[in-house]
Amino acid sequence: MQIVDENNFESEVINQKGLVVVDFNADWCGPCQMLKPVLEQLANEEKAVKFVSVNVDQNQGLAREYGVMSIPCVVLLRDGQELTRNVGFAPKSVLQDLLKGKQA
């Protein structure tokens, strides 16, 4: 999973064609650390989807811009537009269903 920040978010996420999964997280967040390997596994399986990680402590402006109030917060975007989000830890099956519903 690629780590993005306020400097490259626009080029790596907003300007990307197709589906992008953005994981808003923090190093101190237990559920975030539990979700990380699940997202990494999905990133290896879903080659057509781009997965990125945003540390909210280091990128508070992005967290505010996207209204991230609780973490982990996984936001799905297509062509720079938000499609849906999931707040809190979610098992792989839930995230796969989110992706399947938005890949069509």
PDB file of N, CA and C in Angstrom:
ATOM      1  N   MET A   1       0.844  -1.185   0.000  1.00  0.00           N
ATOM      2  CA  MET A   1       0.000   0.000   0.000  1.00  0.00           C
ATOM      3  C   MET A   1       0.878   1.233   0.000  1.00  0.00           C
ATOM      4  N   GLN A   2       0.551   2.144  -0.870  1.00  0.00           N
ATOM      5  CA  GLN A   2       1.324   3.375  -0.985  1.00  0.00           C
ATOM      6  C   GLN A   2       0.916   4.365   0.103  1.00  0.00           C
ATOM      7  N   ILE A   3       1.900   5.003   0.716  1.00  0.00           N
ATOM      8  CA  ILE A   3       1.631   6.048   1.707  1.00  0.00           C
ATOM      9  C   ILE A   3       1.555   7.378   0.969  1.00  0.00           C
ATOM     10  N   VAL A   4       0.454   8.101   1.174  1.00  0.00           N
ATOM     11  CA  VAL A   4       0.298   9.417   0.547  1.00  0.00           C
ATOM     12  C   VAL A   4       0.110  10.465   1.630  1.00  0.00           C
ATOM     13  N   ASP A   5       0.372  11.715   1.252  1.00  0.00           N
ATOM     14  CA  ASP A   5       0.222  12.820   2.198  1.00  0.00           C
ATOM     15  C   ASP A   5      -0.388  14.013   1.476  1.00  0.00           C
ATOM     16  N   GLU A   6      -0.444  15.134   2.175  1.00  0.00           N
ATOM     17  CA  GLU A   6      -1.070  16.323   1.594  1.00  0.00           C
ATOM     18  C   GLU A   6      -0.344  16.811   0.347  1.00  0.00           C
ATOM     19  N   ASN A   7       0.936  16.491   0.211  1.00  0.00           N
ATOM     20  CA  ASN A   7       1.708  16.940  -0.945  1.00  0.00           C
ATOM     21  C   ASN A   7       1.394  16.173  -2.227  1.00  0.00           C
ATOM     22  N   ASN A   8       1.093  14.876  -2.098  1.00  0.00           N
ATOM     23  CA  ASN A   8       0.860  14.086  -3.312  1.00  0.00           C
ATOM     24  C   ASN A   8      -0.541  13.479  -3.397  1.00  0.00           C
ATOM     25  N   PHE A   9      -1.434  13.830  -2.483  1.00  0.00           N
ATOM     26  CA  PHE A   9      -2.785  13.259  -2.476  1.00  0.00           C
ATOM     27  C   PHE A   9      -3.519  13.551  -3.780  1.00  0.00           C
ATOM     28  N   GLU A  10      -3.426  14.773  -4.249  1.00  0.00           N
ATOM     29  CA  GLU A  10      -4.145  15.129  -5.475  1.00  0.00           C
ATOM     30  C   GLU A  10      -3.669  14.291  -6.658  1.00  0.00           C
ATOM     31  N   SER A  11      -2.360  14.178  -6.841  1.00  0.00           N
ATOM     32  CA  SER A  11      -1.846  13.429  -7.991  1.00  0.00           C
ATOM     33  C   SER A  11      -2.055  11.927  -7.841  1.00  0.00           C
ATOM     34  N   GLU A  12      -1.944  11.398  -6.615  1.00  0.00           N
ATOM     35  CA  GLU A  12      -2.027   9.957  -6.396  1.00  0.00           C
ATOM     36  C   GLU A  12      -3.446   9.441  -6.177  1.00  0.00           C
ATOM     37  N   VAL A  13      -4.369  10.329  -5.807  1.00  0.00           N
ATOM     38  CA  VAL A  13      -5.734   9.886  -5.502  1.00  0.00           C
ATOM     39  C   VAL A  13      -6.767  10.612  -6.362  1.00  0.00           C
ATOM     40  N   ILE A  14      -6.828  11.926  -6.234  1.00  0.00           N
ATOM     41  CA  ILE A  14      -7.872  12.706  -6.918  1.00  0.00           C
ATOM     42  C   ILE A  14      -7.771  12.588  -8.434  1.00  0.00           C
ATOM     43  N   ASN A  15      -6.560  12.633  -8.967  1.00  0.00           N
ATOM     44  CA  ASN A  15      -6.371  12.606 -10.416  1.00  0.00           C
ATOM     45  C   ASN A  15      -6.269  11.204 -10.999  1.00  0.00           C
ATOM     46  N   GLN A  16      -6.424  10.179 -10.191  1.00  0.00           N
ATOM     47  CA  GLN A  16      -6.349   8.800 -10.668  1.00  0.00           C
ATOM     48  C   GLN A  16      -7.657   8.388 -11.318  1.00  0.00           C
ATOM     49  N   LYS A  17      -7.539   7.665 -12.420  1.00  0.00           N
ATOM     50  CA  LYS A  17      -8.722   7.075 -13.051  1.00  0.00           C
ATOM     51  C   LYS A  17      -8.994   5.732 -12.396  1.00  0.00           C
ATOM     52  N   GLY A  18     -10.252   5.426 -12.197  1.00  0.00           N
ATOM     53  CA  GLY A  18     -10.617   4.151 -11.604  1.00  0.00           C
ATOM     54  C   GLY A  18     -10.812   4.252 -10.105  1.00  0.00           C
ATOM     55  N   LEU A  19     -10.826   3.088  -9.478  1.00  0.00           N
ATOM     56  CA  LEU A  19     -11.145   2.976  -8.059  1.00  0.00           C
ATOM     57  C   LEU A  19      -9.890   3.112  -7.211  1.00  0.00           C
ATOM     58  N   VAL A  20      -9.986   3.959  -6.178  1.00  0.00           N
ATOM     59  CA  VAL A  20      -8.904   4.143  -5.211  1.00  0.00           C
ATOM     60  C   VAL A  20      -9.485   3.954  -3.812  1.00  0.00           C
ATOM     61  N   VAL A  21      -8.809   3.152  -3.004  1.00  0.00           N
ATOM     62  CA  VAL A  21      -9.195   2.923  -1.614  1.00  0.00           C
ATOM     63  C   VAL A  21      -8.220   3.716  -0.741  1.00  0.00           C
ATOM     64  N   VAL A  22      -8.760   4.637   0.053  1.00  0.00           N
ATOM     65  CA  VAL A  22      -7.932   5.459   0.937  1.00  0.00           C
ATOM     66  C   VAL A  22      -8.185   5.031   2.377  1.00  0.00           C
ATOM     67  N   ASP A  23      -7.115   4.605   3.042  1.00  0.00           N
ATOM     68  CA  ASP A  23      -7.188   4.201   4.445  1.00  0.00           C
ATOM     69  C   ASP A  23      -6.672   5.342   5.310  1.00  0.00           C
ATOM     70  N   PHE A  24      -7.591   6.040   6.000  1.00  0.00           N
ATOM     71  CA  PHE A  24      -7.208   7.077   6.958  1.00  0.00           C
ATOM     72  C   PHE A  24      -6.948   6.389   8.287  1.00  0.00           C
ATOM     73  N   ASN A  25      -5.735   6.554   8.837  1.00  0.00           N
ATOM     74  CA  ASN A  25      -5.338   5.805  10.020  1.00  0.00           C
ATOM     75  C   ASN A  25      -4.340   6.589  10.855  1.00  0.00           C
ATOM     76  N   ALA A  26      -3.906   5.975  11.960  1.00  0.00           N
ATOM     77  CA  ALA A  26      -2.858   6.535  12.819  1.00  0.00           C
ATOM     78  C   ALA A  26      -2.077   5.385  13.433  1.00  0.00           C
ATOM     79  N   ASP A  27      -0.809   5.645  13.733  1.00  0.00           N
ATOM     80  CA  ASP A  27       0.061   4.602  14.288  1.00  0.00           C
ATOM     81  C   ASP A  27      -0.420   4.112  15.652  1.00  0.00           C
ATOM     82  N   TRP A  28      -1.033   4.969  16.456  1.00  0.00           N
ATOM     83  CA  TRP A  28      -1.445   4.629  17.821  1.00  0.00           C
ATOM     84  C   TRP A  28      -2.791   3.906  17.877  1.00  0.00           C
ATOM     85  N   CYS A  29      -3.451   3.793  16.742  1.00  0.00           N
ATOM     86  CA  CYS A  29      -4.818   3.258  16.675  1.00  0.00           C
ATOM     87  C   CYS A  29      -4.794   1.731  16.513  1.00  0.00           C
ATOM     88  N   GLY A  30      -5.244   1.020  17.558  1.00  0.00           N
ATOM     89  CA  GLY A  30      -5.272  -0.441  17.515  1.00  0.00           C
ATOM     90  C   GLY A  30      -6.076  -1.016  16.356  1.00  0.00           C
ATOM     91  N   PRO A  31      -7.330  -0.585  16.166  1.00  0.00           N
ATOM     92  CA  PRO A  31      -8.107  -1.100  15.031  1.00  0.00           C
ATOM     93  C   PRO A  31      -7.455  -0.792  13.679  1.00  0.00           C
ATOM     94  N   CYS A  32      -6.755   0.346  13.583  1.00  0.00           N
ATOM     95  CA  CYS A  32      -6.050   0.685  12.335  1.00  0.00           C
ATOM     96  C   CYS A  32      -4.967  -0.353  12.050  1.00  0.00           C
ATOM     97  N   GLN A  33      -4.240  -0.739  13.098  1.00  0.00           N
ATOM     98  CA  GLN A  33      -3.170  -1.717  12.934  1.00  0.00           C
ATOM     99  C   GLN A  33      -3.738  -3.098  12.596  1.00  0.00           C
ATOM    100  N   MET A  34      -4.930  -3.404  13.080  1.00  0.00           N
ATOM    101  CA  MET A  34      -5.590  -4.664  12.735  1.00  0.00           C
ATOM    102  C   MET A  34      -6.059  -4.655  11.285  1.00  0.00           C
ATOM    103  N   LEU A  35      -6.470  -3.487  10.803  1.00  0.00           N
ATOM    104  CA  LEU A  35      -7.000  -3.376   9.444  1.00  0.00           C
ATOM    105  C   LEU A  35      -5.890  -3.384   8.390  1.00  0.00           C
ATOM    106  N   LYS A  36      -4.721  -2.907   8.747  1.00  0.00           N
ATOM    107  CA  LYS A  36      -3.627  -2.770   7.779  1.00  0.00           C
ATOM    108  C   LYS A  36      -3.316  -4.062   7.014  1.00  0.00           C
ATOM    109  N   PRO A  37      -3.123  -5.216   7.690  1.00  0.00           N
ATOM    110  CA  PRO A  37      -2.830  -6.435   6.921  1.00  0.00           C
ATOM    111  C   PRO A  37      -4.000  -6.895   6.047  1.00  0.00           C
ATOM    112  N   VAL A  38      -5.219  -6.595   6.462  1.00  0.00           N
ATOM    113  CA  VAL A  38      -6.387  -6.940   5.648  1.00  0.00           C
ATOM    114  C   VAL A  38      -6.357  -6.138   4.350  1.00  0.00           C
ATOM    115  N   LEU A  39      -6.079  -4.849   4.460  1.00  0.00           N
ATOM    116  CA  LEU A  39      -6.013  -4.006   3.265  1.00  0.00           C
ATOM    117  C   LEU A  39      -4.833  -4.383   2.380  1.00  0.00           C
ATOM    118  N   GLU A  40      -3.712  -4.735   2.991  1.00  0.00           N
ATOM    119  CA  GLU A  40      -2.551  -5.149   2.204  1.00  0.00           C
ATOM    120  C   GLU A  40      -2.850  -6.428   1.428  1.00  0.00           C
ATOM    121  N   GLN A  41      -3.571  -7.339   2.051  1.00  0.00           N
ATOM    122  CA  GLN A  41      -3.955  -8.571   1.365  1.00  0.00           C
ATOM    123  C   GLN A  41      -4.892  -8.267   0.192  1.00  0.00           C
ATOM    124  N   LEU A  42      -5.872  -7.392   0.421  1.00  0.00           N
ATOM    125  CA  LEU A  42      -6.779  -7.000  -0.657  1.00  0.00           C
ATOM    126  C   LEU A  42      -6.022  -6.303  -1.786  1.00  0.00           C
ATOM    127  N   ALA A  43      -5.052  -5.467  -1.433  1.00  0.00           N
ATOM    128  CA  ALA A  43      -4.267  -4.759  -2.446  1.00  0.00           C
ATOM    129  C   ALA A  43      -3.524  -5.746  -3.336  1.00  0.00           C
ATOM    130  N   ASN A  44      -3.061  -6.845  -2.768  1.00  0.00           N
ATOM    131  CA  ASN A  44      -2.368  -7.864  -3.561  1.00  0.00           C
ATOM    132  C   ASN A  44      -3.320  -8.647  -4.443  1.00  0.00           C
ATOM    133  N   GLU A  45      -4.572  -8.755  -4.024  1.00  0.00           N
ATOM    134  CA  GLU A  45      -5.563  -9.527  -4.775  1.00  0.00           C
ATOM    135  C   GLU A  45      -6.294  -8.688  -5.818  1.00  0.00           C
ATOM    136  N   GLU A  46      -6.548  -7.438  -5.516  1.00  0.00           N
ATOM    137  CA  GLU A  46      -7.346  -6.560  -6.384  1.00  0.00           C
ATOM    138  C   GLU A  46      -6.411  -5.638  -7.175  1.00  0.00           C
ATOM    139  N   LYS A  47      -5.810  -6.174  -8.223  1.00  0.00           N
ATOM    140  CA  LYS A  47      -4.792  -5.428  -8.976  1.00  0.00           C
ATOM    141  C   LYS A  47      -5.355  -4.207  -9.697  1.00  0.00           C
ATOM    142  N   ALA A  48      -6.649  -4.207  -9.992  1.00  0.00           N
ATOM    143  CA  ALA A  48      -7.248  -3.082 -10.719  1.00  0.00           C
ATOM    144  C   ALA A  48      -7.579  -1.911  -9.798  1.00  0.00           C
ATOM    145  N   VAL A  49      -7.431  -2.104  -8.488  1.00  0.00           N
ATOM    146  CA  VAL A  49      -7.778  -1.079  -7.505  1.00  0.00           C
ATOM    147  C   VAL A  49      -6.488  -0.561  -6.869  1.00  0.00           C
ATOM    148  N   LYS A  50      -6.399   0.762  -6.722  1.00  0.00           N
ATOM    149  CA  LYS A  50      -5.243   1.361  -6.058  1.00  0.00           C
ATOM    150  C   LYS A  50      -5.572   1.538  -4.584  1.00  0.00           C
ATOM    151  N   PHE A  51      -4.642   1.135  -3.714  1.00  0.00           N
ATOM    152  CA  PHE A  51      -4.803   1.255  -2.265  1.00  0.00           C
ATOM    153  C   PHE A  51      -3.755   2.216  -1.739  1.00  0.00           C
ATOM    154  N   VAL A  52      -4.191   3.211  -0.942  1.00  0.00           N
ATOM    155  CA  VAL A  52      -3.257   4.162  -0.342  1.00  0.00           C
ATOM    156  C   VAL A  52      -3.581   4.344   1.138  1.00  0.00           C
ATOM    157  N   SER A  53      -2.584   4.812   1.875  1.00  0.00           N
ATOM    158  CA  SER A  53      -2.707   5.016   3.312  1.00  0.00           C
ATOM    159  C   SER A  53      -2.394   6.471   3.645  1.00  0.00           C
ATOM    160  N   VAL A  54      -3.234   7.072   4.515  1.00  0.00           N
ATOM    161  CA  VAL A  54      -3.035   8.452   4.963  1.00  0.00           C
ATOM    162  C   VAL A  54      -2.993   8.465   6.486  1.00  0.00           C
ATOM    163  N   ASN A  55      -1.897   8.926   7.051  1.00  0.00           N
ATOM    164  CA  ASN A  55      -1.768   9.077   8.496  1.00  0.00           C
ATOM    165  C   ASN A  55      -2.449  10.388   8.891  1.00  0.00           C
ATOM    166  N   VAL A  56      -3.510  10.304   9.693  1.00  0.00           N
ATOM    167  CA  VAL A  56      -4.289  11.504  10.029  1.00  0.00           C
ATOM    168  C   VAL A  56      -3.533  12.453  10.943  1.00  0.00           C
ATOM    169  N   ASP A  57      -2.613  11.937  11.744  1.00  0.00           N
ATOM    170  CA  ASP A  57      -1.829  12.811  12.618  1.00  0.00           C
ATOM    171  C   ASP A  57      -0.902  13.710  11.801  1.00  0.00           C
ATOM    172  N   GLN A  58      -0.363  13.178  10.733  1.00  0.00           N
ATOM    173  CA  GLN A  58       0.576  13.924   9.894  1.00  0.00           C
ATOM    174  C   GLN A  58      -0.128  14.701   8.781  1.00  0.00           C
ATOM    175  N   ASN A  59      -1.402  14.413   8.540  1.00  0.00           N
ATOM    176  CA  ASN A  59      -2.160  15.029   7.446  1.00  0.00           C
ATOM    177  C   ASN A  59      -3.532  15.464   7.923  1.00  0.00           C
ATOM    178  N   GLN A  60      -3.541  16.332   8.922  1.00  0.00           N
ATOM    179  CA  GLN A  60      -4.810  16.752   9.529  1.00  0.00           C
ATOM    180  C   GLN A  60      -5.700  17.501   8.551  1.00  0.00           C
ATOM    181  N   GLY A  61      -5.112  18.209   7.602  1.00  0.00           N
ATOM    182  CA  GLY A  61      -5.899  18.927   6.605  1.00  0.00           C
ATOM    183  C   GLY A  61      -6.724  17.977   5.749  1.00  0.00           C
ATOM    184  N   LEU A  62      -6.120  16.865   5.327  1.00  0.00           N
ATOM    185  CA  LEU A  62      -6.855  15.868   4.541  1.00  0.00           C
ATOM    186  C   LEU A  62      -7.952  15.223   5.372  1.00  0.00           C
ATOM    187  N   ALA A  63      -7.655  14.936   6.635  1.00  0.00           N
ATOM    188  CA  ALA A  63      -8.666  14.337   7.510  1.00  0.00           C
ATOM    189  C   ALA A  63      -9.858  15.285   7.654  1.00  0.00           C
ATOM    190  N   ARG A  64      -9.584  16.564   7.830  1.00  0.00           N
ATOM    191  CA  ARG A  64     -10.672  17.559   7.927  1.00  0.00           C
ATOM    192  C   ARG A  64     -11.440  17.648   6.613  1.00  0.00           C
ATOM    193  N   GLU A  65     -10.715  17.724   5.511  1.00  0.00           N
ATOM    194  CA  GLU A  65     -11.350  17.860   4.191  1.00  0.00           C
ATOM    195  C   GLU A  65     -12.306  16.707   3.916  1.00  0.00           C
ATOM    196  N   TYR A  66     -11.946  15.505   4.361  1.00  0.00           N
ATOM    197  CA  TYR A  66     -12.788  14.330   4.119  1.00  0.00           C
ATOM    198  C   TYR A  66     -13.709  14.006   5.292  1.00  0.00           C
ATOM    199  N   GLY A  67     -13.747  14.876   6.289  1.00  0.00           N
ATOM    200  CA  GLY A  67     -14.672  14.694   7.403  1.00  0.00           C
ATOM    201  C   GLY A  67     -14.404  13.444   8.210  1.00  0.00           C
ATOM    202  N   VAL A  68     -13.140  13.073   8.339  1.00  0.00           N
ATOM    203  CA  VAL A  68     -12.781  11.878   9.093  1.00  0.00           C
ATOM    204  C   VAL A  68     -12.820  12.211  10.579  1.00  0.00           C
ATOM    205  N   MET A  69     -13.804  11.651  11.264  1.00  0.00           N
ATOM    206  CA  MET A  69     -13.992  11.912  12.691  1.00  0.00           C
ATOM    207  C   MET A  69     -13.535  10.734  13.542  1.00  0.00           C
ATOM    208  N   SER A  70     -13.556   9.538  12.969  1.00  0.00           N
ATOM    209  CA  SER A  70     -13.130   8.324  13.657  1.00  0.00           C
ATOM    210  C   SER A  70     -12.262   7.515  12.708  1.00  0.00           C
ATOM    211  N   ILE A  71     -11.308   6.800  13.287  1.00  0.00           N
ATOM    212  CA  ILE A  71     -10.436   5.968  12.462  1.00  0.00           C
ATOM    213  C   ILE A  71     -10.434   4.545  13.010  1.00  0.00           C
ATOM    214  N   PRO A  72     -10.136   3.565  12.174  1.00  0.00           N
ATOM    215  CA  PRO A  72      -9.832   3.703  10.764  1.00  0.00           C
ATOM    216  C   PRO A  72     -11.069   4.103   9.954  1.00  0.00           C
ATOM    217  N   CYS A  73     -10.806   4.826   8.894  1.00  0.00           N
ATOM    218  CA  CYS A  73     -11.862   5.244   7.970  1.00  0.00           C
ATOM    219  C   CYS A  73     -11.380   4.928   6.558  1.00  0.00           C
ATOM    220  N   VAL A  74     -12.067   4.016   5.903  1.00  0.00           N
ATOM    221  CA  VAL A  74     -11.717   3.604   4.550  1.00  0.00           C
ATOM    222  C   VAL A  74     -12.689   4.285   3.592  1.00  0.00           C
ATOM    223  N   VAL A  75     -12.132   5.091   2.686  1.00  0.00           N
ATOM    224  CA  VAL A  75     -12.939   5.845   1.728  1.00  0.00           C
ATOM    225  C   VAL A  75     -12.665   5.292   0.328  1.00  0.00           C
ATOM    226  N   LEU A  76     -13.722   4.972  -0.405  1.00  0.00           N
ATOM    227  CA  LEU A  76     -13.595   4.513  -1.784  1.00  0.00           C
ATOM    228  C   LEU A  76     -13.926   5.663  -2.719  1.00  0.00           C
ATOM    229  N   LEU A  77     -13.013   5.927  -3.642  1.00  0.00           N
ATOM    230  CA  LEU A  77     -13.217   6.979  -4.626  1.00  0.00           C
ATOM    231  C   LEU A  77     -13.088   6.395  -6.031  1.00  0.00           C
ATOM    232  N   ARG A  78     -13.876   6.920  -6.945  1.00  0.00           N
ATOM    233  CA  ARG A  78     -13.724   6.575  -8.363  1.00  0.00           C
ATOM    234  C   ARG A  78     -13.537   7.890  -9.108  1.00  0.00           C
ATOM    235  N   ASP A  79     -12.441   7.966  -9.847  1.00  0.00           N
ATOM    236  CA  ASP A  79     -12.115   9.162 -10.621  1.00  0.00           C
ATOM    237  C   ASP A  79     -12.168  10.415  -9.738  1.00  0.00           C
ATOM    238  N   GLY A  80     -11.691  10.277  -8.505  1.00  0.00           N
ATOM    239  CA  GLY A  80     -11.598  11.414  -7.592  1.00  0.00           C
ATOM    240  C   GLY A  80     -12.857  11.738  -6.821  1.00  0.00           C
ATOM    241  N   GLN A  81     -13.942  11.019  -7.059  1.00  0.00           N
ATOM    242  CA  GLN A  81     -15.216  11.284  -6.385  1.00  0.00           C
ATOM    243  C   GLN A  81     -15.519  10.184  -5.366  1.00  0.00           C
ATOM    244  N   GLU A  82     -15.903  10.599  -4.156  1.00  0.00           N
ATOM    245  CA  GLU A  82     -16.206   9.609  -3.126  1.00  0.00           C
ATOM    246  C   GLU A  82     -17.457   8.818  -3.476  1.00  0.00           C
ATOM    247  N   LEU A  83     -17.334   7.487  -3.333  1.00  0.00           N
ATOM    248  CA  LEU A  83     -18.460   6.593  -3.577  1.00  0.00           C
ATOM    249  C   LEU A  83     -19.095   6.138  -2.267  1.00  0.00           C
ATOM    250  N   THR A  84     -18.249   5.741  -1.327  1.00  0.00           N
ATOM    251  CA  THR A  84     -18.727   5.225  -0.046  1.00  0.00           C
ATOM    252  C   THR A  84     -17.576   5.212   0.935  1.00  0.00           C
ATOM    253  N   ARG A  85     -17.888   4.907   2.197  1.00  0.00           N
ATOM    254  CA  ARG A  85     -16.839   4.795   3.217  1.00  0.00           C
ATOM    255  C   ARG A  85     -17.265   3.793   4.270  1.00  0.00           C
ATOM    256  N   ASN A  86     -16.271   3.299   4.990  1.00  0.00           N
ATOM    257  CA  ASN A  86     -16.497   2.398   6.105  1.00  0.00           C
ATOM    258  C   ASN A  86     -15.654   2.896   7.277  1.00  0.00           C
ATOM    259  N   VAL A  87     -16.300   3.093   8.424  1.00  0.00           N
ATOM    260  CA  VAL A  87     -15.602   3.583   9.613  1.00  0.00           C
ATOM    261  C   VAL A  87     -15.464   2.436  10.606  1.00  0.00           C
ATOM    262  N   GLY A  88     -14.269   2.279  11.142  1.00  0.00           N
ATOM    263  CA  GLY A  88     -14.001   1.208  12.098  1.00  0.00           C
ATOM    264  C   GLY A  88     -13.434  -0.011  11.400  1.00  0.00           C
ATOM    265  N   PHE A  89     -12.991  -0.963  12.206  1.00  0.00           N
ATOM    266  CA  PHE A  89     -12.443  -2.194  11.646  1.00  0.00           C
ATOM    267  C   PHE A  89     -13.533  -2.946  10.906  1.00  0.00           C
ATOM    268  N   ALA A  90     -13.163  -3.501   9.755  1.00  0.00           N
ATOM    269  CA  ALA A  90     -14.086  -4.342   8.993  1.00  0.00           C
ATOM    270  C   ALA A  90     -13.324  -5.578   8.529  1.00  0.00           C
ATOM    271  N   PRO A  91     -13.946  -6.743   8.608  1.00  0.00           N
ATOM    272  CA  PRO A  91     -13.277  -7.943   8.105  1.00  0.00           C
ATOM    273  C   PRO A  91     -13.143  -7.891   6.581  1.00  0.00           C
ATOM    274  N   LYS A  92     -12.277  -8.716   6.080  1.00  0.00           N
ATOM    275  CA  LYS A  92     -11.991  -8.745   4.648  1.00  0.00           C
ATOM    276  C   LYS A  92     -13.266  -8.909   3.816  1.00  0.00           C
ATOM    277  N   SER A  93     -14.170  -9.766   4.254  1.00  0.00           N
ATOM    278  CA  SER A  93     -15.385 -10.032   3.474  1.00  0.00           C
ATOM    279  C   SER A  93     -16.228  -8.768   3.293  1.00  0.00           C
ATOM    280  N   VAL A  94     -16.295  -7.938   4.331  1.00  0.00           N
ATOM    281  CA  VAL A  94     -17.065  -6.688   4.237  1.00  0.00           C
ATOM    282  C   VAL A  94     -16.413  -5.741   3.237  1.00  0.00           C
ATOM    283  N   LEU A  95     -15.102  -5.631   3.299  1.00  0.00           N
ATOM    284  CA  LEU A  95     -14.390  -4.756   2.364  1.00  0.00           C
ATOM    285  C   LEU A  95     -14.484  -5.282   0.930  1.00  0.00           C
ATOM    286  N   GLN A  96     -14.440  -6.600   0.771  1.00  0.00           N
ATOM    287  CA  GLN A  96     -14.601  -7.177  -0.571  1.00  0.00           C
ATOM    288  C   GLN A  96     -15.977  -6.854  -1.135  1.00  0.00           C
ATOM    289  N   ASP A  97     -17.003  -6.931  -0.290  1.00  0.00           N
ATOM    290  CA  ASP A  97     -18.355  -6.611  -0.748  1.00  0.00           C
ATOM    291  C   ASP A  97     -18.447  -5.138  -1.146  1.00  0.00           C
ATOM    292  N   LEU A  98     -17.808  -4.259  -0.377  1.00  0.00           N
ATOM    293  CA  LEU A  98     -17.788  -2.823  -0.732  1.00  0.00           C
ATOM    294  C   LEU A  98     -17.153  -2.631  -2.104  1.00  0.00           C
ATOM    295  N   LEU A  99     -16.034  -3.284  -2.318  1.00  0.00           N
ATOM    296  CA  LEU A  99     -15.330  -3.162  -3.596  1.00  0.00           C
ATOM    297  C   LEU A  99     -16.166  -3.715  -4.747  1.00  0.00           C
ATOM    298  N   LYS A 100     -16.751  -4.893  -4.548  1.00  0.00           N
ATOM    299  CA  LYS A 100     -17.563  -5.520  -5.607  1.00  0.00           C
ATOM    300  C   LYS A 100     -18.715  -4.610  -6.002  1.00  0.00           C
ATOM    301  N   GLY A 101     -19.334  -3.977  -5.011  1.00  0.00           N
ATOM    302  CA  GLY A 101     -20.467  -3.103  -5.288  1.00  0.00           C
ATOM    303  C   GLY A 101     -20.087  -1.854  -6.037  1.00  0.00           C
ATOM    304  N   LYS A 102     -18.807  -1.469  -5.996  1.00  0.00           N
ATOM    305  CA  LYS A 102     -18.371  -0.215  -6.613  1.00  0.00           C
ATOM    306  C   LYS A 102     -17.509  -0.408  -7.851  1.00  0.00           C
ATOM    307  N   GLN A 103     -17.207  -1.662  -8.212  1.00  0.00           N
ATOM    308  CA  GLN A 103     -16.329  -1.899  -9.362  1.00  0.00           C
ATOM    309  C   GLN A 103     -17.093  -1.923 -10.680  1.00  0.00           C
ATOM    310  N   ALA A 104     -18.371  -2.083 -10.625  1.00  0.00           N
ATOM    311  CA  ALA A 104     -19.159  -2.199 -11.872  1.00  0.00           C
ATOM    312  C   ALA A 104     -19.139  -0.910 -12.664  1.00  0.00           C
TER     313      ALA A 104
END
